[in-house]
Amino acid sequence: MAGTAWNPTFSIPGSILDHDKYSGTDLMRTLESSFANEKMEQIANQLHLHISTLRYRLQKIEQLTGYSYFNTRDRLTLYIAYLI
């Protein structure tokens, strides 16, 4: 559609899912759990991960998408992209 701005939220889940598929990671599940739990310790416990592993996964999501879980606006963008 002419005049419509490109919406990056459509490519976010795809980049994470592609990485999970080809690398055998579980980043999308990590992201899902991070939306369901507020504290890092809760997220790590739900996923049965060490807190350092959780931080690594969230940083990997940032590398893949350009959006940081630790930034409020970026986290909102990630959440909206997840919902779409």
N, C-alpha and C. Protein backbone atom coordinates (compact mmCIF):
# COMPACT_ATOMS: atom_id res chain seq x y z
N MET A 1 0.84 -1.18 0.00
CA MET A 1 0.00 0.00 0.00
C MET A 1 0.89 1.24 0.00
N ALA A 2 0.67 2.12 -0.93
CA ALA A 2 1.49 3.33 -1.05
C ALA A 2 1.28 4.25 0.15
N GLY A 3 2.37 4.84 0.61
CA GLY A 3 2.27 5.78 1.71
C GLY A 3 2.26 5.14 3.09
N THR A 4 2.26 3.84 3.15
CA THR A 4 2.23 3.16 4.44
C THR A 4 3.66 2.93 4.91
N ALA A 5 3.93 3.30 6.13
CA ALA A 5 5.26 3.11 6.71
C ALA A 5 5.50 1.63 6.96
N TRP A 6 6.73 1.21 6.79
CA TRP A 6 7.11 -0.17 7.08
C TRP A 6 6.98 -0.40 8.57
N ASN A 7 6.39 -1.51 8.94
CA ASN A 7 6.17 -1.83 10.35
C ASN A 7 7.11 -2.95 10.75
N PRO A 8 8.12 -2.65 11.58
CA PRO A 8 9.12 -3.66 11.95
C PRO A 8 8.57 -4.76 12.82
N THR A 9 7.42 -4.57 13.43
CA THR A 9 6.91 -5.58 14.36
C THR A 9 6.61 -6.90 13.67
N PHE A 10 6.35 -6.87 12.37
CA PHE A 10 6.04 -8.11 11.67
C PHE A 10 7.26 -9.01 11.50
N SER A 11 8.46 -8.44 11.48
CA SER A 11 9.65 -9.24 11.27
C SER A 11 10.28 -9.75 12.57
N ILE A 12 9.85 -9.20 13.70
CA ILE A 12 10.46 -9.58 14.97
C ILE A 12 10.23 -11.05 15.31
N PRO A 13 8.98 -11.53 15.36
CA PRO A 13 8.81 -12.95 15.71
C PRO A 13 9.48 -13.88 14.71
N GLY A 14 9.46 -13.49 13.44
CA GLY A 14 10.08 -14.33 12.41
C GLY A 14 11.56 -14.50 12.63
N SER A 15 12.26 -13.43 12.99
CA SER A 15 13.71 -13.53 13.20
C SER A 15 14.03 -14.41 14.41
N ILE A 16 13.20 -14.33 15.44
CA ILE A 16 13.42 -15.17 16.62
C ILE A 16 13.09 -16.62 16.31
N LEU A 17 11.98 -16.86 15.64
CA LEU A 17 11.58 -18.24 15.30
C LEU A 17 12.58 -18.88 14.34
N ASP A 18 13.08 -18.11 13.38
CA ASP A 18 14.10 -18.63 12.46
C ASP A 18 15.35 -19.04 13.24
N HIS A 19 15.77 -18.20 14.15
CA HIS A 19 16.95 -18.53 14.95
C HIS A 19 16.70 -19.79 15.78
N ASP A 20 15.54 -19.89 16.39
CA ASP A 20 15.21 -21.09 17.18
C ASP A 20 15.25 -22.34 16.30
N LYS A 21 14.69 -22.23 15.11
CA LYS A 21 14.62 -23.38 14.20
C LYS A 21 16.01 -23.85 13.77
N TYR A 22 16.86 -22.91 13.39
CA TYR A 22 18.16 -23.28 12.84
C TYR A 22 19.24 -23.48 13.89
N SER A 23 19.03 -22.94 15.08
CA SER A 23 20.06 -23.06 16.12
C SER A 23 19.65 -23.96 17.27
N GLY A 24 18.40 -24.42 17.25
CA GLY A 24 17.94 -25.29 18.32
C GLY A 24 17.77 -24.56 19.65
N THR A 25 17.57 -23.24 19.59
CA THR A 25 17.38 -22.46 20.80
C THR A 25 15.90 -22.37 21.14
N ASP A 26 15.60 -21.74 22.24
CA ASP A 26 14.22 -21.59 22.70
C ASP A 26 13.96 -20.13 23.08
N LEU A 27 14.37 -19.23 22.19
CA LEU A 27 14.26 -17.80 22.49
C LEU A 27 12.81 -17.32 22.53
N MET A 28 11.95 -17.87 21.66
CA MET A 28 10.56 -17.42 21.66
C MET A 28 9.88 -17.82 22.97
N ARG A 29 10.15 -19.00 23.46
CA ARG A 29 9.60 -19.42 24.75
C ARG A 29 10.12 -18.52 25.87
N THR A 30 11.39 -18.14 25.78
CA THR A 30 11.97 -17.21 26.75
C THR A 30 11.23 -15.88 26.72
N LEU A 31 10.99 -15.37 25.53
CA LEU A 31 10.29 -14.11 25.39
C LEU A 31 8.86 -14.22 25.93
N GLU A 32 8.17 -15.30 25.59
CA GLU A 32 6.81 -15.52 26.09
C GLU A 32 6.78 -15.52 27.62
N SER A 33 7.71 -16.23 28.21
CA SER A 33 7.77 -16.31 29.67
C SER A 33 8.09 -14.96 30.29
N SER A 34 8.89 -14.16 29.60
CA SER A 34 9.25 -12.84 30.14
C SER A 34 8.03 -11.92 30.16
N PHE A 35 7.09 -12.14 29.28
CA PHE A 35 5.87 -11.33 29.28
C PHE A 35 4.91 -11.78 30.38
N ALA A 36 4.97 -13.04 30.74
CA ALA A 36 4.06 -13.59 31.75
C ALA A 36 4.56 -13.37 33.18
N ASN A 37 5.83 -13.07 33.34
CA ASN A 37 6.42 -12.89 34.66
C ASN A 37 7.12 -11.54 34.72
N GLU A 38 7.06 -10.92 35.87
CA GLU A 38 7.63 -9.59 36.00
C GLU A 38 9.10 -9.61 36.40
N LYS A 39 9.49 -10.53 37.25
CA LYS A 39 10.85 -10.53 37.79
C LYS A 39 11.73 -11.56 37.08
N MET A 40 12.99 -11.19 36.93
CA MET A 40 13.95 -12.08 36.26
C MET A 40 14.02 -13.44 36.94
N GLU A 41 13.99 -13.45 38.25
CA GLU A 41 14.07 -14.71 39.00
C GLU A 41 12.87 -15.60 38.68
N GLN A 42 11.69 -15.00 38.54
CA GLN A 42 10.50 -15.77 38.21
C GLN A 42 10.61 -16.37 36.81
N ILE A 43 11.10 -15.57 35.89
CA ILE A 43 11.26 -16.05 34.52
C ILE A 43 12.25 -17.21 34.48
N ALA A 44 13.40 -17.02 35.13
CA ALA A 44 14.43 -18.07 35.15
C ALA A 44 13.89 -19.34 35.79
N ASN A 45 13.17 -19.20 36.88
CA ASN A 45 12.61 -20.38 37.55
C ASN A 45 11.60 -21.10 36.67
N GLN A 46 10.74 -20.35 36.00
CA GLN A 46 9.75 -20.98 35.13
C GLN A 46 10.41 -21.76 34.00
N LEU A 47 11.50 -21.23 33.48
CA LEU A 47 12.20 -21.87 32.37
C LEU A 47 13.26 -22.86 32.82
N HIS A 48 13.44 -22.97 34.15
CA HIS A 48 14.46 -23.85 34.72
C HIS A 48 15.85 -23.47 34.19
N LEU A 49 16.14 -22.16 34.27
CA LEU A 49 17.42 -21.62 33.80
C LEU A 49 18.14 -20.91 34.93
N HIS A 50 19.44 -20.82 34.79
CA HIS A 50 20.22 -19.94 35.65
C HIS A 50 19.97 -18.52 35.18
N ILE A 51 20.00 -17.56 36.07
CA ILE A 51 19.72 -16.17 35.73
C ILE A 51 20.67 -15.65 34.65
N SER A 52 21.91 -16.11 34.65
CA SER A 52 22.88 -15.69 33.62
C SER A 52 22.47 -16.19 32.24
N THR A 53 21.94 -17.40 32.18
CA THR A 53 21.47 -17.95 30.92
C THR A 53 20.28 -17.15 30.40
N LEU A 54 19.40 -16.78 31.31
CA LEU A 54 18.26 -15.95 30.93
C LEU A 54 18.72 -14.62 30.37
N ARG A 55 19.66 -13.98 31.02
CA ARG A 55 20.18 -12.69 30.53
C ARG A 55 20.82 -12.86 29.15
N TYR A 56 21.56 -13.95 28.97
CA TYR A 56 22.18 -14.22 27.67
C TYR A 56 21.10 -14.34 26.59
N ARG A 57 20.04 -15.08 26.89
CA ARG A 57 18.97 -15.25 25.91
C ARG A 57 18.30 -13.93 25.57
N LEU A 58 18.06 -13.10 26.57
CA LEU A 58 17.43 -11.81 26.31
C LEU A 58 18.35 -10.90 25.51
N GLN A 59 19.65 -11.00 25.73
CA GLN A 59 20.61 -10.24 24.93
C GLN A 59 20.65 -10.76 23.50
N LYS A 60 20.51 -12.06 23.32
CA LYS A 60 20.48 -12.65 21.99
C LYS A 60 19.24 -12.16 21.23
N ILE A 61 18.11 -12.06 21.92
CA ILE A 61 16.90 -11.52 21.30
C ILE A 61 17.15 -10.10 20.83
N GLU A 62 17.87 -9.32 21.63
CA GLU A 62 18.21 -7.95 21.23
C GLU A 62 19.10 -7.95 19.98
N GLN A 63 20.07 -8.84 19.93
CA GLN A 63 20.95 -8.91 18.75
C GLN A 63 20.15 -9.25 17.50
N LEU A 64 19.17 -10.13 17.62
CA LEU A 64 18.39 -10.56 16.47
C LEU A 64 17.37 -9.52 16.01
N THR A 65 16.80 -8.78 16.96
CA THR A 65 15.69 -7.90 16.64
C THR A 65 16.05 -6.41 16.67
N GLY A 66 17.08 -6.06 17.42
CA GLY A 66 17.41 -4.66 17.60
C GLY A 66 16.62 -4.01 18.73
N TYR A 67 15.84 -4.81 19.45
CA TYR A 67 15.02 -4.31 20.56
C TYR A 67 15.47 -4.96 21.86
N SER A 68 15.71 -4.11 22.86
CA SER A 68 16.20 -4.60 24.15
C SER A 68 15.05 -4.86 25.12
N TYR A 69 15.03 -6.03 25.69
CA TYR A 69 14.04 -6.36 26.71
C TYR A 69 14.16 -5.42 27.90
N PHE A 70 15.35 -4.90 28.14
CA PHE A 70 15.61 -4.08 29.32
C PHE A 70 15.23 -2.61 29.12
N ASN A 71 14.78 -2.25 27.92
CA ASN A 71 14.31 -0.90 27.64
C ASN A 71 12.78 -0.96 27.56
N THR A 72 12.10 -0.11 28.31
CA THR A 72 10.64 -0.17 28.42
C THR A 72 9.95 -0.06 27.06
N ARG A 73 10.36 0.90 26.24
CA ARG A 73 9.74 1.06 24.92
C ARG A 73 10.01 -0.13 24.01
N ASP A 74 11.23 -0.62 24.06
CA ASP A 74 11.58 -1.80 23.25
C ASP A 74 10.79 -3.02 23.71
N ARG A 75 10.66 -3.18 25.01
CA ARG A 75 9.90 -4.32 25.54
C ARG A 75 8.45 -4.25 25.07
N LEU A 76 7.88 -3.05 25.06
CA LEU A 76 6.52 -2.88 24.56
C LEU A 76 6.43 -3.26 23.08
N THR A 77 7.42 -2.84 22.30
CA THR A 77 7.44 -3.21 20.88
C THR A 77 7.52 -4.72 20.71
N LEU A 78 8.38 -5.36 21.50
CA LEU A 78 8.49 -6.83 21.45
C LEU A 78 7.16 -7.48 21.80
N TYR A 79 6.49 -6.95 22.80
CA TYR A 79 5.21 -7.52 23.24
C TYR A 79 4.14 -7.36 22.16
N ILE A 80 4.07 -6.18 21.57
CA ILE A 80 3.09 -5.96 20.50
C ILE A 80 3.38 -6.88 19.32
N ALA A 81 4.64 -7.00 18.95
CA ALA A 81 5.01 -7.90 17.84
C ALA A 81 4.64 -9.34 18.17
N TYR A 82 4.82 -9.74 19.41
CA TYR A 82 4.45 -11.09 19.84
C TYR A 82 2.95 -11.31 19.70
N LEU A 83 2.17 -10.30 20.04
CA LEU A 83 0.70 -10.44 19.98
C LEU A 83 0.15 -10.49 18.57
N ILE A 84 0.85 -9.85 17.64
CA ILE A 84 0.32 -9.75 16.26
C ILE A 84 0.38 -11.07 15.56
